[in-house]
C-alpha atoms as a PDB file:
ATOM      1  CA  UNK A   1      10.137  -4.961 -10.889  1.00  0.00           C
ATOM      2  CA  UNK A   2       8.089  -1.939  -9.825  1.00  0.00           C
ATOM      3  CA  UNK A   3       4.845  -2.283  -7.894  1.00  0.00           C
ATOM      4  CA  UNK A   4       2.395   0.245  -6.496  1.00  0.00           C
ATOM      5  CA  UNK A   5      -0.363   0.063  -3.931  1.00  0.00           C
ATOM      6  CA  UNK A   6      -3.171   2.491  -4.706  1.00  0.00           C
ATOM      7  CA  UNK A   7      -5.923   3.690  -2.393  1.00  0.00           C
ATOM      8  CA  UNK A   8      -8.070   6.779  -2.333  1.00  0.00           C
ATOM      9  CA  UNK A   9      -6.370   8.802   0.411  1.00  0.00           C
ATOM     10  CA  UNK A  10      -2.973   7.078   0.602  1.00  0.00           C
ATOM     11  CA  UNK A  11      -3.128   7.581   4.348  1.00  0.00           C
ATOM     12  CA  UNK A  12      -3.489   4.063   5.795  1.00  0.00           C
ATOM     13  CA  UNK A  13      -3.988   0.852   3.769  1.00  0.00           C
ATOM     14  CA  UNK A  14      -1.648   1.663   0.898  1.00  0.00           C
ATOM     15  CA  UNK A  15       0.938   3.074   3.332  1.00  0.00           C
ATOM     16  CA  UNK A  16       0.817  -0.134   5.387  1.00  0.00           C
ATOM     17  CA  UNK A  17       1.142  -2.212   2.202  1.00  0.00           C
ATOM     18  CA  UNK A  18       4.120  -0.147   1.044  1.00  0.00           C
ATOM     19  CA  UNK A  19       5.825  -0.648   4.393  1.00  0.00           C
ATOM     20  CA  UNK A  20       5.307  -4.415   4.372  1.00  0.00           C
ATOM     21  CA  UNK A  21       6.309  -4.795   0.707  1.00  0.00           C
ATOM     22  CA  UNK A  22       9.586  -2.954   1.270  1.00  0.00           C
ATOM     23  CA  UNK A  23      10.254  -5.037   4.373  1.00  0.00           C
ATOM     24  CA  UNK A  24       9.484  -8.420   2.768  1.00  0.00           C
ATOM     25  CA  UNK A  25      11.301  -7.594  -0.490  1.00  0.00           C
ATOM     26  CA  UNK A  26      14.441  -6.797   1.490  1.00  0.00           C
ATOM     27  CA  UNK A  27      14.020  -9.817   3.780  1.00  0.00           C
ATOM     28  CA  UNK A  28      13.553 -12.177   0.795  1.00  0.00           C
ATOM     29  CA  UNK A  29      16.293 -10.569  -1.316  1.00  0.00           C
ATOM     30  CA  UNK A  30      13.920  -9.511  -4.099  1.00  0.00           C
ATOM     31  CA  UNK A  31      14.743  -6.601  -6.400  1.00  0.00           C
ATOM     32  CA  UNK A  32      11.424  -4.772  -6.153  1.00  0.00           C
ATOM     33  CA  UNK A  33      10.755  -1.048  -6.093  1.00  0.00           C
ATOM     34  CA  UNK A  34       7.657  -0.284  -4.038  1.00  0.00           C
ATOM     35  CA  UNK A  35       5.386   2.742  -4.234  1.00  0.00           C
ATOM     36  CA  UNK A  36       2.040   3.831  -2.868  1.00  0.00           C
ATOM     37  CA  UNK A  37      -0.236   6.638  -3.958  1.00  0.00           C
ATOM     38  CA  UNK A  38      -3.774   7.931  -3.694  1.00  0.00           C
ATOM     39  CA  UNK A  39      -6.331   8.914  -6.277  1.00  0.00           C
ATOM     40  CA  UNK A  40      -7.267  11.764  -3.890  1.00  0.00           C
ATOM     41  CA  UNK A  41      -4.364  11.994  -1.402  1.00  0.00           C
ATOM     42  CA  UNK A  42      -5.291  12.924   2.154  1.00  0.00           C
ATOM     43  CA  UNK A  43      -2.028  14.794   2.665  1.00  0.00           C
ATOM     44  CA  UNK A  44      -1.021  12.811   5.751  1.00  0.00           C
ATOM     45  CA  UNK A  45      -0.308   9.285   6.961  1.00  0.00           C
ATOM     46  CA  UNK A  46      -2.812   8.295   9.645  1.00  0.00           C
ATOM     47  CA  UNK A  47      -1.193   8.189  13.086  1.00  0.00           C
ATOM     48  CA  UNK A  48      -2.768   4.800  13.854  1.00  0.00           C
ATOM     49  CA  UNK A  49      -1.259   3.322  10.680  1.00  0.00           C
ATOM     50  CA  UNK A  50       2.156   4.436  11.907  1.00  0.00           C
ATOM     51  CA  UNK A  51       1.397   3.115  15.406  1.00  0.00           C
ATOM     52  CA  UNK A  52       0.262  -0.378  14.350  1.00  0.00           C
ATOM     53  CA  UNK A  53       3.244  -0.777  12.043  1.00  0.00           C
ATOM     54  CA  UNK A  54       5.597   0.163  14.892  1.00  0.00           C
ATOM     55  CA  UNK A  55       3.964  -2.647  16.884  1.00  0.00           C
ATOM     56  CA  UNK A  56       5.391  -5.126  14.348  1.00  0.00           C
ATOM     57  CA  UNK A  57       8.769  -3.397  14.084  1.00  0.00           C
ATOM     58  CA  UNK A  58       8.274  -1.491  10.824  1.00  0.00           C
ATOM     59  CA  UNK A  59       8.667   2.292  10.813  1.00  0.00           C
ATOM     60  CA  UNK A  60       6.569   4.050   8.164  1.00  0.00           C
ATOM     61  CA  UNK A  61       6.771   7.470   9.814  1.00  0.00           C
ATOM     62  CA  UNK A  62       8.940   8.817   6.977  1.00  0.00           C
ATOM     63  CA  UNK A  63       6.386   7.857   4.299  1.00  0.00           C
ATOM     64  CA  UNK A  64       3.992  10.529   3.049  1.00  0.00           C
ATOM     65  CA  UNK A  65       0.658  10.743   1.283  1.00  0.00           C
ATOM     66  CA  UNK A  66       1.175  11.316  -2.439  1.00  0.00           C
ATOM     67  CA  UNK A  67      -0.734  11.458  -5.697  1.00  0.00           C
ATOM     68  CA  UNK A  68      -0.446   9.155  -8.685  1.00  0.00           C
ATOM     69  CA  UNK A  69       1.470  11.912 -10.465  1.00  0.00           C
ATOM     70  CA  UNK A  70       4.262  11.584  -7.884  1.00  0.00           C
ATOM     71  CA  UNK A  71       5.110   7.962  -8.703  1.00  0.00           C
ATOM     72  CA  UNK A  72       6.401   6.452 -11.994  1.00  0.00           C
ATOM     73  CA  UNK A  73       2.969   5.138 -13.089  1.00  0.00           C
ATOM     74  CA  UNK A  74       4.036   4.360 -16.664  1.00  0.00           C
ATOM     75  CA  UNK A  75       6.951   2.227 -15.430  1.00  0.00           C
ATOM     76  CA  UNK A  76       4.915  -0.021 -13.119  1.00  0.00           C
ATOM     77  CA  UNK A  77       4.795  -3.785 -13.596  1.00  0.00           C
ATOM     78  CA  UNK A  78       2.030  -4.397 -11.049  1.00  0.00           C
ATOM     79  CA  UNK A  79      -0.703  -2.160  -9.665  1.00  0.00           C
ATOM     80  CA  UNK A  80      -2.688  -3.264  -6.614  1.00  0.00           C
ATOM     81  CA  UNK A  81      -5.769  -1.313  -5.627  1.00  0.00           C
ATOM     82  CA  UNK A  82      -6.899  -1.601  -2.031  1.00  0.00           C
ATOM     83  CA  UNK A  83     -10.342   0.019  -2.180  1.00  0.00           C
ATOM     84  CA  UNK A  84     -13.185   0.045  -4.683  1.00  0.00           C
ATOM     85  CA  UNK A  85     -13.041   3.770  -5.425  1.00  0.00           C
ATOM     86  CA  UNK A  86      -9.320   3.554  -6.225  1.00  0.00           C
ATOM     87  CA  UNK A  87     -10.022   0.554  -8.465  1.00  0.00           C
ATOM     88  CA  UNK A  88     -12.537   2.635 -10.422  1.00  0.00           C
ATOM     89  CA  UNK A  89     -10.318   5.750 -10.561  1.00  0.00           C
ATOM     90  CA  UNK A  90      -6.930   4.149 -11.133  1.00  0.00           C
ATOM     91  CA  UNK A  91      -5.523   4.839 -14.586  1.00  0.00           C
ATOM     92  CA  UNK A  92      -4.891   1.930 -16.922  1.00  0.00           C
ATOM     93  CA  UNK A  93      -1.167   1.311 -17.043  1.00  0.00           C
ATOM     94  CA  UNK A  94      -0.210  -0.317 -20.363  1.00  0.00           C
ATOM     95  CA  UNK A  95       1.724  -3.529 -19.764  1.00  0.00           C
ATOM     96  CA  UNK A  96       1.127  -3.592 -16.011  1.00  0.00           C
ATOM     97  CA  UNK A  97      -0.713  -6.401 -14.306  1.00  0.00           C
ATOM     98  CA  UNK A  98      -3.447  -5.390 -11.895  1.00  0.00           C
ATOM     99  CA  UNK A  99      -4.894  -6.886  -8.737  1.00  0.00           C
ATOM    100  CA  UNK A 100      -7.676  -5.655  -6.508  1.00  0.00           C
ATOM    101  CA  UNK A 101      -7.711  -6.277  -2.778  1.00  0.00           C
ATOM    102  CA  UNK A 102     -10.949  -4.959  -1.295  1.00  0.00           C
ATOM    103  CA  UNK A 103      -9.798  -4.138   2.224  1.00  0.00           C
ATOM    104  CA  UNK A 104     -12.059  -2.032   4.473  1.00  0.00           C
ATOM    105  CA  UNK A 105     -10.969   1.447   5.510  1.00  0.00           C
ATOM    106  CA  UNK A 106     -10.003   1.410   9.217  1.00  0.00           C
ATOM    107  CA  UNK A 107     -10.188   5.197   9.620  1.00  0.00           C
ATOM    108  CA  UNK A 108     -12.594   6.207  12.350  1.00  0.00           C
ATOM    109  CA  UNK A 109     -12.915   2.648  13.647  1.00  0.00           C
ATOM    110  CA  UNK A 110     -10.121   2.642  16.214  1.00  0.00           C
ATOM    111  CA  UNK A 111      -6.969   0.724  16.954  1.00  0.00           C
ATOM    112  CA  UNK A 112      -8.537  -2.749  16.694  1.00  0.00           C
ATOM    113  CA  UNK A 113      -9.628  -2.049  13.094  1.00  0.00           C
ATOM    114  CA  UNK A 114      -6.161  -0.790  12.183  1.00  0.00           C
ATOM    115  CA  UNK A 115      -4.607  -3.936  13.645  1.00  0.00           C
ATOM    116  CA  UNK A 116      -7.009  -6.170  11.703  1.00  0.00           C
ATOM    117  CA  UNK A 117      -6.265  -4.298   8.449  1.00  0.00           C
ATOM    118  CA  UNK A 118      -2.516  -4.428   9.161  1.00  0.00           C
ATOM    119  CA  UNK A 119      -2.610  -8.189   9.711  1.00  0.00           C
ATOM    120  CA  UNK A 120      -4.679  -8.802   6.561  1.00  0.00           C
ATOM    121  CA  UNK A 121      -2.373  -6.638   4.453  1.00  0.00           C
ATOM    122  CA  UNK A 122       0.697  -8.317   5.940  1.00  0.00           C
ATOM    123  CA  UNK A 123      -0.592 -11.756   4.953  1.00  0.00           C
ATOM    124  CA  UNK A 124      -1.423 -10.674   1.404  1.00  0.00           C
ATOM    125  CA  UNK A 125       1.783  -8.717   0.847  1.00  0.00           C
ATOM    126  CA  UNK A 126       3.958 -11.571   2.125  1.00  0.00           C
ATOM    127  CA  UNK A 127       2.242 -13.995  -0.274  1.00  0.00           C
ATOM    128  CA  UNK A 128       2.631 -11.466  -3.113  1.00  0.00           C
ATOM    129  CA  UNK A 129       6.361 -10.911  -2.562  1.00  0.00           C
ATOM    130  CA  UNK A 130       6.946 -14.672  -2.243  1.00  0.00           C
ATOM    131  CA  UNK A 131       5.394 -15.301  -5.677  1.00  0.00           C
ATOM    132  CA  UNK A 132       7.104 -12.403  -7.498  1.00  0.00           C
END
């Protein structure tokens, strides 16, 4: 199974989701390929996203902000959008299921906001991987 988390900038929420999905898939022994991308990639992973993931023992510092063209969009089984603009801009992937998780952008709101977003994404991703 191939899943992708899509956000506008691919700098925080989708990067956090990718990190958790890879972690939980491995922990639960699930054969899942995980991707993230942005409809308008920022070109960087937000330093606070990296920091809050390190707090829970997951290193996403080697991940990078990428466009939809850089992931195998036509091979995806599940596409999850994390913001409304990505939901509206995400291409339709024939045969792929879609989900939308409207999670607020923590950028510019400080460490507390990044922690809240991390914890919300962790809960949702864990439930997702358990049911796949």
